[in-house]
Amino acid sequence: WVHDDQIADTDSAAKLRQQMAAGAVLIEVNNKIDRLAQAPYRQNNET
Protein backbone atom coordinates (compact mmCIF):
# COMPACT_ATOMS: atom_id res chain seq x y z
CA TRP A 1 0.00 0.00 0.00
CA VAL A 2 1.96 2.97 -1.34
CA HIS A 3 1.57 6.50 0.06
CA ASP A 4 3.15 9.83 -0.67
CA ASP A 5 5.21 10.39 2.47
CA GLN A 6 4.00 14.00 2.76
CA ILE A 7 0.29 13.53 1.96
CA ALA A 8 -2.32 11.84 4.15
CA ASP A 9 -4.02 8.90 2.44
CA THR A 10 -7.82 8.94 2.29
CA ASP A 11 -8.05 5.12 2.17
CA SER A 12 -7.72 3.00 5.28
CA ALA A 13 -5.89 -0.21 6.06
CA ALA A 14 -9.14 -1.73 7.34
CA LYS A 15 -10.87 -1.05 4.00
CA LEU A 16 -8.01 -2.65 2.07
CA ARG A 17 -7.93 -5.71 4.31
CA GLN A 18 -11.62 -6.31 3.61
CA GLN A 19 -10.74 -6.76 -0.08
CA MET A 20 -7.62 -8.88 0.50
CA ALA A 21 -7.55 -12.67 0.58
CA ALA A 22 -7.40 -14.37 3.96
CA GLY A 23 -3.78 -14.81 4.96
CA ALA A 24 -2.46 -12.07 2.66
CA VAL A 25 0.00 -9.61 4.21
CA LEU A 26 -0.27 -5.82 4.06
CA ILE A 27 2.90 -3.71 3.93
CA GLU A 28 2.66 0.09 4.00
CA VAL A 29 5.16 1.94 1.82
CA ASN A 30 5.83 5.63 2.43
CA ASN A 31 7.35 6.81 -0.83
CA LYS A 32 9.19 10.00 -1.89
CA ILE A 33 11.26 10.39 1.29
CA ASP A 34 14.02 11.86 -0.89
CA ARG A 35 12.16 15.19 -1.12
CA LEU A 36 13.07 15.98 2.48
CA ALA A 37 16.38 14.11 2.39
CA GLN A 38 14.93 11.62 4.87
CA ALA A 39 16.77 8.34 5.53
CA PRO A 40 15.06 5.04 4.66
CA TYR A 41 13.37 3.30 7.57
CA ARG A 42 11.42 0.21 8.60
CA GLN A 43 9.09 0.24 11.58
CA ASN A 44 5.78 -1.14 12.83
CA ASN A 45 2.79 1.14 13.36
CA GLU A 46 0.22 0.92 16.13
CA THR A 47 -1.71 -1.85 14.32
All heavy atoms as atom14 arrays in JSON, in Angstrom:
{
  "sequence": "WVHDDQIADTDSAAKLRQQMAAGAVLIEVNNKIDRLAQAPYRQNNET",
  "atom14_mask": [
    [1, 1, 1, 1, 1, 1, 1, 1, 1, 1, 1, 1, 1, 1],
    [1, 1, 1, 1, 1, 1, 1, 0, 0, 0, 0, 0, 0, 0],
    [1, 1, 1, 1, 1, 1, 1, 1, 1, 1, 0, 0, 0, 0],
    [1, 1, 1, 1, 1, 1, 1, 1, 0, 0, 0, 0, 0, 0],
    [1, 1, 1, 1, 1, 1, 1, 1, 0, 0, 0, 0, 0, 0],
    [1, 1, 1, 1, 1, 1, 1, 1, 1, 0, 0, 0, 0, 0],
    [1, 1, 1, 1, 1, 1, 1, 1, 0, 0, 0, 0, 0, 0],
    [1, 1, 1, 1, 1, 0, 0, 0, 0, 0, 0, 0, 0, 0],
    [1, 1, 1, 1, 1, 1, 1, 1, 0, 0, 0, 0, 0, 0],
    [1, 1, 1, 1, 1, 1, 1, 0, 0, 0, 0, 0, 0, 0],
    [1, 1, 1, 1, 1, 1, 1, 1, 0, 0, 0, 0, 0, 0],
    [1, 1, 1, 1, 1, 1, 0, 0, 0, 0, 0, 0, 0, 0],
    [1, 1, 1, 1, 1, 0, 0, 0, 0, 0, 0, 0, 0, 0],
    [1, 1, 1, 1, 1, 0, 0, 0, 0, 0, 0, 0, 0, 0],
    [1, 1, 1, 1, 1, 1, 1, 1, 1, 0, 0, 0, 0, 0],
    [1, 1, 1, 1, 1, 1, 1, 1, 0, 0, 0, 0, 0, 0],
    [1, 1, 1, 1, 1, 1, 1, 1, 1, 1, 1, 0, 0, 0],
    [1, 1, 1, 1, 1, 1, 1, 1, 1, 0, 0, 0, 0, 0],
    [1, 1, 1, 1, 1, 1, 1, 1, 1, 0, 0, 0, 0, 0],
    [1, 1, 1, 1, 1, 1, 1, 1, 0, 0, 0, 0, 0, 0],
    [1, 1, 1, 1, 1, 0, 0, 0, 0, 0, 0, 0, 0, 0],
    [1, 1, 1, 1, 1, 0, 0, 0, 0, 0, 0, 0, 0, 0],
    [1, 1, 1, 1, 0, 0, 0, 0, 0, 0, 0, 0, 0, 0],
    [1, 1, 1, 1, 1, 0, 0, 0, 0, 0, 0, 0, 0, 0],
    [1, 1, 1, 1, 1, 1, 1, 0, 0, 0, 0, 0, 0, 0],
    [1, 1, 1, 1, 1, 1, 1, 1, 0, 0, 0, 0, 0, 0],
    [1, 1, 1, 1, 1, 1, 1, 1, 0, 0, 0, 0, 0, 0],
    [1, 1, 1, 1, 1, 1, 1, 1, 1, 0, 0, 0, 0, 0],
    [1, 1, 1, 1, 1, 1, 1, 0, 0, 0, 0, 0, 0, 0],
    [1, 1, 1, 1, 1, 1, 1, 1, 0, 0, 0, 0, 0, 0],
    [1, 1, 1, 1, 1, 1, 1, 1, 0, 0, 0, 0, 0, 0],
    [1, 1, 1, 1, 1, 1, 1, 1, 1, 0, 0, 0, 0, 0],
    [1, 1, 1, 1, 1, 1, 1, 1, 0, 0, 0, 0, 0, 0],
    [1, 1, 1, 1, 1, 1, 1, 1, 0, 0, 0, 0, 0, 0],
    [1, 1, 1, 1, 1, 1, 1, 1, 1, 1, 1, 0, 0, 0],
    [1, 1, 1, 1, 1, 1, 1, 1, 0, 0, 0, 0, 0, 0],
    [1, 1, 1, 1, 1, 0, 0, 0, 0, 0, 0, 0, 0, 0],
    [1, 1, 1, 1, 1, 1, 1, 1, 1, 0, 0, 0, 0, 0],
    [1, 1, 1, 1, 1, 0, 0, 0, 0, 0, 0, 0, 0, 0],
    [1, 1, 1, 1, 1, 1, 1, 0, 0, 0, 0, 0, 0, 0],
    [1, 1, 1, 1, 1, 1, 1, 1, 1, 1, 1, 1, 0, 0],
    [1, 1, 1, 1, 1, 1, 1, 1, 1, 1, 1, 0, 0, 0],
    [1, 1, 1, 1, 1, 1, 1, 1, 1, 0, 0, 0, 0, 0],
    [1, 1, 1, 1, 1, 1, 1, 1, 0, 0, 0, 0, 0, 0],
    [1, 1, 1, 1, 1, 1, 1, 1, 0, 0, 0, 0, 0, 0],
    [1, 1, 1, 1, 1, 1, 1, 1, 1, 0, 0, 0, 0, 0],
    [1, 1, 1, 1, 1, 1, 1, 0, 0, 0, 0, 0, 0, 0]
  ],
  "atom14_positions": [
    [[0.87, -1.18, 0.0], [0.0, 0.0, 0.0], [0.91, 1.23, 0.0], [1.54, 1.55, 1.0], [-0.9, -0.04, 1.23], [-1.87, 1.09, 1.34], [-2.34, 1.88, 0.33], [-2.51, 1.54, 2.54], [-3.23, 2.79, 0.81], [-3.37, 2.61, 2.16], [-2.47, 1.14, 3.85], [-4.14, 3.29, 3.09], [-3.24, 1.81, 4.79], [-4.08, 2.87, 4.41]],
    [[0.99, 1.89, -1.16], [1.96, 2.97, -1.34], [1.3, 4.32, -1.05], [0.2, 4.61, -1.53], [2.52, 2.95, -2.78], [3.59, 4.04, -2.94], [3.11, 1.59, -3.1], [0.0, 0.0, 0.0], [0.0, 0.0, 0.0], [0.0, 0.0, 0.0], [0.0, 0.0, 0.0], [0.0, 0.0, 0.0], [0.0, 0.0, 0.0], [0.0, 0.0, 0.0]],
    [[2.02, 5.13, -0.25], [1.57, 6.5, 0.06], [2.64, 7.49, -0.4], [3.82, 7.14, -0.51], [1.39, 6.73, 1.57], [0.66, 5.65, 2.28], [-0.7, 5.57, 2.34], [1.12, 4.58, 3.0], [-1.06, 4.52, 3.05], [0.03, 3.89, 3.46], [0.0, 0.0, 0.0], [0.0, 0.0, 0.0], [0.0, 0.0, 0.0], [0.0, 0.0, 0.0]],
    [[2.21, 8.72, -0.6], [3.15, 9.83, -0.67], [3.5, 10.19, 0.76], [2.62, 10.47, 1.58], [2.5, 11.02, -1.39], [3.46, 12.17, -1.62], [4.28, 12.46, -0.72], [3.4, 12.8, -2.7], [0.0, 0.0, 0.0], [0.0, 0.0, 0.0], [0.0, 0.0, 0.0], [0.0, 0.0, 0.0], [0.0, 0.0, 0.0], [0.0, 0.0, 0.0]],
    [[4.78, 10.2, 1.09], [5.21, 10.39, 2.47], [4.7, 11.69, 3.08], [4.57, 11.8, 4.3], [6.74, 10.36, 2.53], [7.26, 10.34, 3.96], [6.85, 9.44, 4.72], [8.06, 11.22, 4.31], [0.0, 0.0, 0.0], [0.0, 0.0, 0.0], [0.0, 0.0, 0.0], [0.0, 0.0, 0.0], [0.0, 0.0, 0.0], [0.0, 0.0, 0.0]],
    [[4.39, 12.68, 2.24], [4.0, 14.0, 2.76], [2.5, 14.27, 2.67], [2.04, 15.33, 3.06], [4.75, 15.1, 1.98], [6.26, 14.97, 2.02], [6.79, 14.98, 3.44], [6.4, 15.84, 4.24], [7.65, 14.03, 3.77], [0.0, 0.0, 0.0], [0.0, 0.0, 0.0], [0.0, 0.0, 0.0], [0.0, 0.0, 0.0], [0.0, 0.0, 0.0]],
    [[1.73, 13.31, 2.15], [0.29, 13.53, 1.96], [-0.49, 12.43, 2.67], [-0.2, 11.23, 2.5], [-0.07, 13.53, 0.46], [0.72, 14.62, -0.28], [-1.57, 13.72, 0.26], [0.51, 14.62, -1.77], [0.0, 0.0, 0.0], [0.0, 0.0, 0.0], [0.0, 0.0, 0.0], [0.0, 0.0, 0.0], [0.0, 0.0, 0.0], [0.0, 0.0, 0.0]],
    [[-1.48, 12.81, 3.45], [-2.32, 11.84, 4.15], [-3.16, 11.06, 3.14], [-3.72, 11.64, 2.2], [-3.22, 12.56, 5.15], [0.0, 0.0, 0.0], [0.0, 0.0, 0.0], [0.0, 0.0, 0.0], [0.0, 0.0, 0.0], [0.0, 0.0, 0.0], [0.0, 0.0, 0.0], [0.0, 0.0, 0.0], [0.0, 0.0, 0.0], [0.0, 0.0, 0.0]],
    [[-3.26, 9.76, 3.35], [-4.02, 8.9, 2.44], [-5.47, 8.83, 2.89], [-5.75, 8.65, 4.08], [-3.41, 7.5, 2.41], [-3.75, 6.77, 1.11], [-4.93, 6.74, 0.75], [-2.81, 6.24, 0.48], [0.0, 0.0, 0.0], [0.0, 0.0, 0.0], [0.0, 0.0, 0.0], [0.0, 0.0, 0.0], [0.0, 0.0, 0.0], [0.0, 0.0, 0.0]],
    [[-6.39, 8.96, 1.94], [-7.82, 8.94, 2.29], [-8.33, 7.51, 2.5], [-9.35, 7.3, 3.16], [-8.66, 9.59, 1.18], [-8.37, 8.93, -0.06], [-8.29, 11.07, 1.04], [0.0, 0.0, 0.0], [0.0, 0.0, 0.0], [0.0, 0.0, 0.0], [0.0, 0.0, 0.0], [0.0, 0.0, 0.0], [0.0, 0.0, 0.0], [0.0, 0.0, 0.0]],
    [[-7.64, 6.51, 1.94], [-8.05, 5.12, 2.17], [-7.58, 4.66, 3.54], [-6.73, 5.29, 4.18], [-7.48, 4.21, 1.09], [-8.23, 4.36, -0.23], [-9.46, 4.27, -0.2], [-7.57, 4.59, -1.26], [0.0, 0.0, 0.0], [0.0, 0.0, 0.0], [0.0, 0.0, 0.0], [0.0, 0.0, 0.0], [0.0, 0.0, 0.0], [0.0, 0.0, 0.0]],
    [[-8.11, 3.54, 3.98], [-7.72, 3.0, 5.28], [-7.26, 1.57, 5.13], [-7.65, 0.86, 4.21], [-8.91, 3.05, 6.25], [-9.91, 2.13, 5.85], [0.0, 0.0, 0.0], [0.0, 0.0, 0.0], [0.0, 0.0, 0.0], [0.0, 0.0, 0.0], [0.0, 0.0, 0.0], [0.0, 0.0, 0.0], [0.0, 0.0, 0.0], [0.0, 0.0, 0.0]],
    [[-6.39, 1.16, 6.08], [-5.89, -0.21, 6.06], [-7.04, -1.19, 6.25], [-7.07, -2.27, 5.63], [-4.85, -0.4, 7.16], [0.0, 0.0, 0.0], [0.0, 0.0, 0.0], [0.0, 0.0, 0.0], [0.0, 0.0, 0.0], [0.0, 0.0, 0.0], [0.0, 0.0, 0.0], [0.0, 0.0, 0.0], [0.0, 0.0, 0.0], [0.0, 0.0, 0.0]],
    [[-8.01, -0.84, 7.08], [-9.14, -1.73, 7.34], [-9.94, -1.97, 6.06], [-10.37, -3.1, 5.77], [-10.05, -1.13, 8.42], [0.0, 0.0, 0.0], [0.0, 0.0, 0.0], [0.0, 0.0, 0.0], [0.0, 0.0, 0.0], [0.0, 0.0, 0.0], [0.0, 0.0, 0.0], [0.0, 0.0, 0.0], [0.0, 0.0, 0.0], [0.0, 0.0, 0.0]],
    [[-10.12, -0.92, 5.25], [-10.87, -1.05, 4.0], [-10.12, -1.97, 3.03], [-10.73, -2.81, 2.36], [-11.08, 0.33, 3.39], [-11.87, 0.32, 2.09], [-12.04, 1.73, 1.55], [-12.77, 1.72, 0.21], [-12.91, 3.1, -0.33], [0.0, 0.0, 0.0], [0.0, 0.0, 0.0], [0.0, 0.0, 0.0], [0.0, 0.0, 0.0], [0.0, 0.0, 0.0]],
    [[-8.8, -1.8, 2.96], [-8.01, -2.65, 2.07], [-8.06, -4.11, 2.51], [-8.19, -5.01, 1.7], [-6.55, -2.18, 2.05], [-6.21, -1.03, 1.1], [-4.75, -0.65, 1.27], [-6.48, -1.42, -0.34], [0.0, 0.0, 0.0], [0.0, 0.0, 0.0], [0.0, 0.0, 0.0], [0.0, 0.0, 0.0], [0.0, 0.0, 0.0], [0.0, 0.0, 0.0]],
    [[-7.95, -4.33, 3.81], [-7.93, -5.71, 4.31], [-9.24, -6.43, 4.03], [-9.27, -7.65, 3.89], [-7.62, -5.72, 5.81], [-6.15, -5.45, 6.12], [-5.81, -5.86, 7.55], [-4.39, -5.8, 7.79], [-3.75, -4.77, 8.32], [-4.44, -3.67, 8.65], [-2.45, -4.8, 8.52], [0.0, 0.0, 0.0], [0.0, 0.0, 0.0], [0.0, 0.0, 0.0]],
    [[-10.33, -5.7, 3.95], [-11.62, -6.31, 3.61], [-11.6, -6.88, 2.2], [-12.3, -7.85, 1.9], [-12.74, -5.29, 3.75], [-13.07, -4.93, 5.19], [-14.14, -3.85, 5.27], [-14.59, -3.32, 4.26], [-14.55, -3.52, 6.48], [0.0, 0.0, 0.0], [0.0, 0.0, 0.0], [0.0, 0.0, 0.0], [0.0, 0.0, 0.0], [0.0, 0.0, 0.0]],
    [[-10.8, -6.29, 1.31], [-10.74, -6.76, -0.08], [-9.66, -7.82, -0.29], [-9.66, -8.5, -1.31], [-10.44, -5.57, -1.0], [-11.46, -4.46, -0.96], [-11.06, -3.29, -1.83], [-11.06, -3.39, -3.05], [-10.71, -2.17, -1.23], [0.0, 0.0, 0.0], [0.0, 0.0, 0.0], [0.0, 0.0, 0.0], [0.0, 0.0, 0.0], [0.0, 0.0, 0.0]],
    [[-8.75, -7.95, 0.66], [-7.62, -8.88, 0.5], [-8.03, -10.3, 0.84], [-8.96, -10.53, 1.61], [-6.45, -8.44, 1.4], [-5.79, -7.15, 0.95], [-4.77, -6.38, 2.23], [-3.68, -7.75, 2.7], [0.0, 0.0, 0.0], [0.0, 0.0, 0.0], [0.0, 0.0, 0.0], [0.0, 0.0, 0.0], [0.0, 0.0, 0.0], [0.0, 0.0, 0.0]],
    [[-7.31, -11.26, 0.28], [-7.55, -12.67, 0.58], [-7.13, -12.96, 2.01], [-6.23, -12.31, 2.57], [-6.76, -13.56, -0.38], [0.0, 0.0, 0.0], [0.0, 0.0, 0.0], [0.0, 0.0, 0.0], [0.0, 0.0, 0.0], [0.0, 0.0, 0.0], [0.0, 0.0, 0.0], [0.0, 0.0, 0.0], [0.0, 0.0, 0.0], [0.0, 0.0, 0.0]],
    [[-7.78, -13.96, 2.62], [-7.4, -14.37, 3.96], [-5.96, -14.87, 3.94], [-5.56, -15.64, 3.08], [-8.33, -15.49, 4.44], [0.0, 0.0, 0.0], [0.0, 0.0, 0.0], [0.0, 0.0, 0.0], [0.0, 0.0, 0.0], [0.0, 0.0, 0.0], [0.0, 0.0, 0.0], [0.0, 0.0, 0.0], [0.0, 0.0, 0.0], [0.0, 0.0, 0.0]],
    [[-5.17, -14.4, 4.88], [-3.78, -14.81, 4.96], [-2.82, -13.91, 4.21], [-1.6, -14.04, 4.37], [0.0, 0.0, 0.0], [0.0, 0.0, 0.0], [0.0, 0.0, 0.0], [0.0, 0.0, 0.0], [0.0, 0.0, 0.0], [0.0, 0.0, 0.0], [0.0, 0.0, 0.0], [0.0, 0.0, 0.0], [0.0, 0.0, 0.0], [0.0, 0.0, 0.0]],
    [[-3.34, -13.0, 3.37], [-2.46, -12.07, 2.66], [-1.89, -11.06, 3.65], [-2.48, -10.76, 4.69], [-3.23, -11.35, 1.56], [0.0, 0.0, 0.0], [0.0, 0.0, 0.0], [0.0, 0.0, 0.0], [0.0, 0.0, 0.0], [0.0, 0.0, 0.0], [0.0, 0.0, 0.0], [0.0, 0.0, 0.0], [0.0, 0.0, 0.0], [0.0, 0.0, 0.0]],
    [[-0.71, -10.53, 3.32], [0.0, -9.61, 4.21], [-0.02, -8.21, 3.61], [0.18, -8.03, 2.41], [1.46, -10.07, 4.41], [2.22, -9.09, 5.28], [1.5, -11.46, 5.01], [0.0, 0.0, 0.0], [0.0, 0.0, 0.0], [0.0, 0.0, 0.0], [0.0, 0.0, 0.0], [0.0, 0.0, 0.0], [0.0, 0.0, 0.0], [0.0, 0.0, 0.0]],
    [[-0.27, -7.23, 4.48], [-0.27, -5.82, 4.06], [1.02, -5.15, 4.53], [1.38, -5.24, 5.71], [-1.49, -5.1, 4.64], [-1.62, -3.6, 4.29], [-1.85, -3.43, 2.8], [-2.73, -2.96, 5.1], [0.0, 0.0, 0.0], [0.0, 0.0, 0.0], [0.0, 0.0, 0.0], [0.0, 0.0, 0.0], [0.0, 0.0, 0.0], [0.0, 0.0, 0.0]],
    [[1.71, -4.5, 3.6], [2.9, -3.71, 3.93], [2.65, -2.28, 3.47], [2.28, -2.05, 2.31], [4.16, -4.26, 3.22], [4.43, -5.71, 3.62], [5.38, -3.38, 3.52], [5.56, -6.36, 2.82], [0.0, 0.0, 0.0], [0.0, 0.0, 0.0], [0.0, 0.0, 0.0], [0.0, 0.0, 0.0], [0.0, 0.0, 0.0], [0.0, 0.0, 0.0]],
    [[2.82, -1.32, 4.38], [2.66, 0.09, 4.0], [4.0, 0.63, 3.51], [5.04, 0.37, 4.11], [2.16, 0.91, 5.19], [0.73, 0.58, 5.58], [0.13, 1.61, 6.53], [0.46, 2.82, 6.36], [-0.61, 1.23, 7.44], [0.0, 0.0, 0.0], [0.0, 0.0, 0.0], [0.0, 0.0, 0.0], [0.0, 0.0, 0.0], [0.0, 0.0, 0.0]],
    [[3.96, 1.37, 2.41], [5.16, 1.94, 1.82], [5.0, 3.45, 1.73], [4.14, 3.96, 1.0], [5.43, 1.36, 0.41], [6.66, 2.01, -0.21], [5.59, -0.14, 0.47], [0.0, 0.0, 0.0], [0.0, 0.0, 0.0], [0.0, 0.0, 0.0], [0.0, 0.0, 0.0], [0.0, 0.0, 0.0], [0.0, 0.0, 0.0], [0.0, 0.0, 0.0]],
    [[5.8, 4.17, 2.51], [5.83, 5.63, 2.43], [6.9, 6.03, 1.42], [8.1, 5.89, 1.67], [6.13, 6.24, 3.8], [4.96, 6.11, 4.75], [3.82, 5.93, 4.32], [5.23, 6.2, 6.04], [0.0, 0.0, 0.0], [0.0, 0.0, 0.0], [0.0, 0.0, 0.0], [0.0, 0.0, 0.0], [0.0, 0.0, 0.0], [0.0, 0.0, 0.0]],
    [[6.45, 6.51, 0.27], [7.35, 6.81, -0.83], [7.74, 8.31, -0.83], [7.15, 9.12, -0.13], [6.68, 6.43, -2.15], [7.6, 6.51, -3.33], [8.83, 6.42, -3.19], [7.06, 6.74, -4.51], [0.0, 0.0, 0.0], [0.0, 0.0, 0.0], [0.0, 0.0, 0.0], [0.0, 0.0, 0.0], [0.0, 0.0, 0.0], [0.0, 0.0, 0.0]],
    [[8.72, 8.63, -1.63], [9.19, 10.0, -1.89], [9.89, 10.63, -0.69], [9.81, 11.86, -0.48], [8.04, 10.88, -2.38], [7.32, 10.32, -3.62], [6.27, 11.26, -4.15], [5.54, 10.67, -5.36], [4.53, 11.57, -5.93], [0.0, 0.0, 0.0], [0.0, 0.0, 0.0], [0.0, 0.0, 0.0], [0.0, 0.0, 0.0], [0.0, 0.0, 0.0]],
    [[10.55, 9.82, 0.12], [11.26, 10.39, 1.29], [12.47, 11.23, 0.86], [13.0, 12.01, 1.66], [11.73, 9.27, 2.24], [12.72, 8.33, 1.52], [10.56, 8.49, 2.81], [13.4, 7.35, 2.45], [0.0, 0.0, 0.0], [0.0, 0.0, 0.0], [0.0, 0.0, 0.0], [0.0, 0.0, 0.0], [0.0, 0.0, 0.0], [0.0, 0.0, 0.0]],
    [[12.87, 11.1, -0.41], [14.02, 11.86, -0.89], [13.75, 13.36, -0.95], [14.68, 14.18, -0.93], [14.43, 11.37, -2.28], [13.26, 11.4, -3.26], [12.34, 10.57, -3.08], [13.27, 12.23, -4.18], [0.0, 0.0, 0.0], [0.0, 0.0, 0.0], [0.0, 0.0, 0.0], [0.0, 0.0, 0.0], [0.0, 0.0, 0.0], [0.0, 0.0, 0.0]],
    [[12.48, 13.76, -0.99], [12.16, 15.19, -1.12], [12.59, 15.98, 0.11], [12.88, 17.17, 0.02], [10.66, 15.36, -1.37], [10.23, 14.9, -2.76], [8.79, 15.2, -3.04], [7.92, 14.59, -2.04], [6.6, 14.67, -2.07], [5.99, 15.33, -3.05], [5.87, 14.1, -1.13], [0.0, 0.0, 0.0], [0.0, 0.0, 0.0], [0.0, 0.0, 0.0]],
    [[12.61, 15.32, 1.26], [13.07, 15.98, 2.48], [14.39, 15.41, 2.96], [14.76, 15.59, 4.13], [12.01, 15.84, 3.58], [10.65, 16.51, 3.3], [9.69, 16.26, 4.44], [10.84, 18.02, 3.08], [0.0, 0.0, 0.0], [0.0, 0.0, 0.0], [0.0, 0.0, 0.0], [0.0, 0.0, 0.0], [0.0, 0.0, 0.0], [0.0, 0.0, 0.0]],
    [[15.07, 14.71, 2.05], [16.38, 14.11, 2.39], [16.27, 13.21, 3.62], [17.18, 13.14, 4.44], [17.43, 15.2, 2.6], [0.0, 0.0, 0.0], [0.0, 0.0, 0.0], [0.0, 0.0, 0.0], [0.0, 0.0, 0.0], [0.0, 0.0, 0.0], [0.0, 0.0, 0.0], [0.0, 0.0, 0.0], [0.0, 0.0, 0.0], [0.0, 0.0, 0.0]],
    [[15.14, 12.51, 3.73], [14.93, 11.62, 4.87], [15.58, 10.27, 4.62], [15.6, 9.77, 3.49], [13.42, 11.44, 5.11], [13.07, 10.7, 6.39], [11.56, 10.66, 6.61], [10.79, 11.15, 5.78], [11.14, 10.09, 7.72], [0.0, 0.0, 0.0], [0.0, 0.0, 0.0], [0.0, 0.0, 0.0], [0.0, 0.0, 0.0], [0.0, 0.0, 0.0]],
    [[16.13, 9.65, 5.66], [16.77, 8.34, 5.53], [15.72, 7.25, 5.43], [14.64, 7.36, 6.01], [17.69, 8.09, 6.72], [0.0, 0.0, 0.0], [0.0, 0.0, 0.0], [0.0, 0.0, 0.0], [0.0, 0.0, 0.0], [0.0, 0.0, 0.0], [0.0, 0.0, 0.0], [0.0, 0.0, 0.0], [0.0, 0.0, 0.0], [0.0, 0.0, 0.0]],
    [[15.99, 6.17, 4.7], [15.06, 5.04, 4.66], [14.83, 4.46, 6.05], [15.7, 4.54, 6.92], [15.77, 4.03, 3.75], [16.76, 4.82, 2.97], [17.19, 5.93, 3.87], [0.0, 0.0, 0.0], [0.0, 0.0, 0.0], [0.0, 0.0, 0.0], [0.0, 0.0, 0.0], [0.0, 0.0, 0.0], [0.0, 0.0, 0.0], [0.0, 0.0, 0.0]],
    [[13.67, 3.88, 6.25], [13.37, 3.3, 7.57], [12.43, 2.13, 7.43], [11.75, 1.94, 6.41], [12.77, 4.35, 8.5], [11.48, 4.98, 8.02], [10.24, 4.38, 8.26], [11.5, 6.18, 7.31], [9.07, 4.95, 7.82], [10.32, 6.77, 6.86], [9.11, 6.15, 7.13], [7.94, 6.72, 6.67], [0.0, 0.0, 0.0], [0.0, 0.0, 0.0]],
    [[12.39, 1.3, 8.48], [11.42, 0.21, 8.6], [10.96, 0.18, 10.03], [11.77, 0.09, 10.96], [12.02, -1.14, 8.21], [11.0, -2.27, 8.34], [11.49, -3.57, 7.76], [12.51, -4.21, 8.55], [12.9, -5.48, 8.39], [12.36, -6.21, 7.44], [13.84, -5.98, 9.14], [0.0, 0.0, 0.0], [0.0, 0.0, 0.0], [0.0, 0.0, 0.0]],
    [[9.64, 0.23, 10.24], [9.09, 0.24, 11.58], [7.69, -0.36, 11.56], [7.12, -0.59, 10.49], [9.03, 1.68, 12.12], [8.14, 2.59, 11.27], [8.29, 4.05, 11.62], [9.36, 4.5, 12.01], [7.21, 4.81, 11.48], [0.0, 0.0, 0.0], [0.0, 0.0, 0.0], [0.0, 0.0, 0.0], [0.0, 0.0, 0.0], [0.0, 0.0, 0.0]],
    [[7.15, -0.64, 12.71], [5.78, -1.14, 12.83], [4.9, -0.04, 13.4], [5.3, 0.67, 14.34], [5.71, -2.36, 13.75], [6.36, -3.58, 13.12], [6.45, -3.68, 11.9], [6.84, -4.5, 13.94], [0.0, 0.0, 0.0], [0.0, 0.0, 0.0], [0.0, 0.0, 0.0], [0.0, 0.0, 0.0], [0.0, 0.0, 0.0], [0.0, 0.0, 0.0]],
    [[3.71, 0.13, 12.82], [2.79, 1.14, 13.36], [1.96, 0.56, 14.5], [2.16, -0.58, 14.93], [1.91, 1.72, 12.25], [1.01, 0.67, 11.61], [0.77, -0.4, 12.16], [0.5, 0.99, 10.41], [0.0, 0.0, 0.0], [0.0, 0.0, 0.0], [0.0, 0.0, 0.0], [0.0, 0.0, 0.0], [0.0, 0.0, 0.0], [0.0, 0.0, 0.0]],
    [[1.0, 1.33, 14.96], [0.22, 0.92, 16.13], [-0.62, -0.32, 15.88], [-1.01, -1.02, 16.83], [-0.69, 2.07, 16.6], [-1.74, 2.52, 15.59], [-1.19, 3.49, 14.55], [0.03, 3.76, 14.6], [-1.97, 3.94, 13.69], [0.0, 0.0, 0.0], [0.0, 0.0, 0.0], [0.0, 0.0, 0.0], [0.0, 0.0, 0.0], [0.0, 0.0, 0.0]],
    [[-0.92, -0.65, 14.62], [-1.71, -1.85, 14.32], [-0.83, -3.07, 14.09], [-1.33, -4.16, 13.84], [-2.57, -1.62, 13.06], [-1.72, -1.48, 11.92], [-3.45, -0.38, 13.22], [0.0, 0.0, 0.0], [0.0, 0.0, 0.0], [0.0, 0.0, 0.0], [0.0, 0.0, 0.0], [0.0, 0.0, 0.0], [0.0, 0.0, 0.0], [0.0, 0.0, 0.0]]
  ]
}
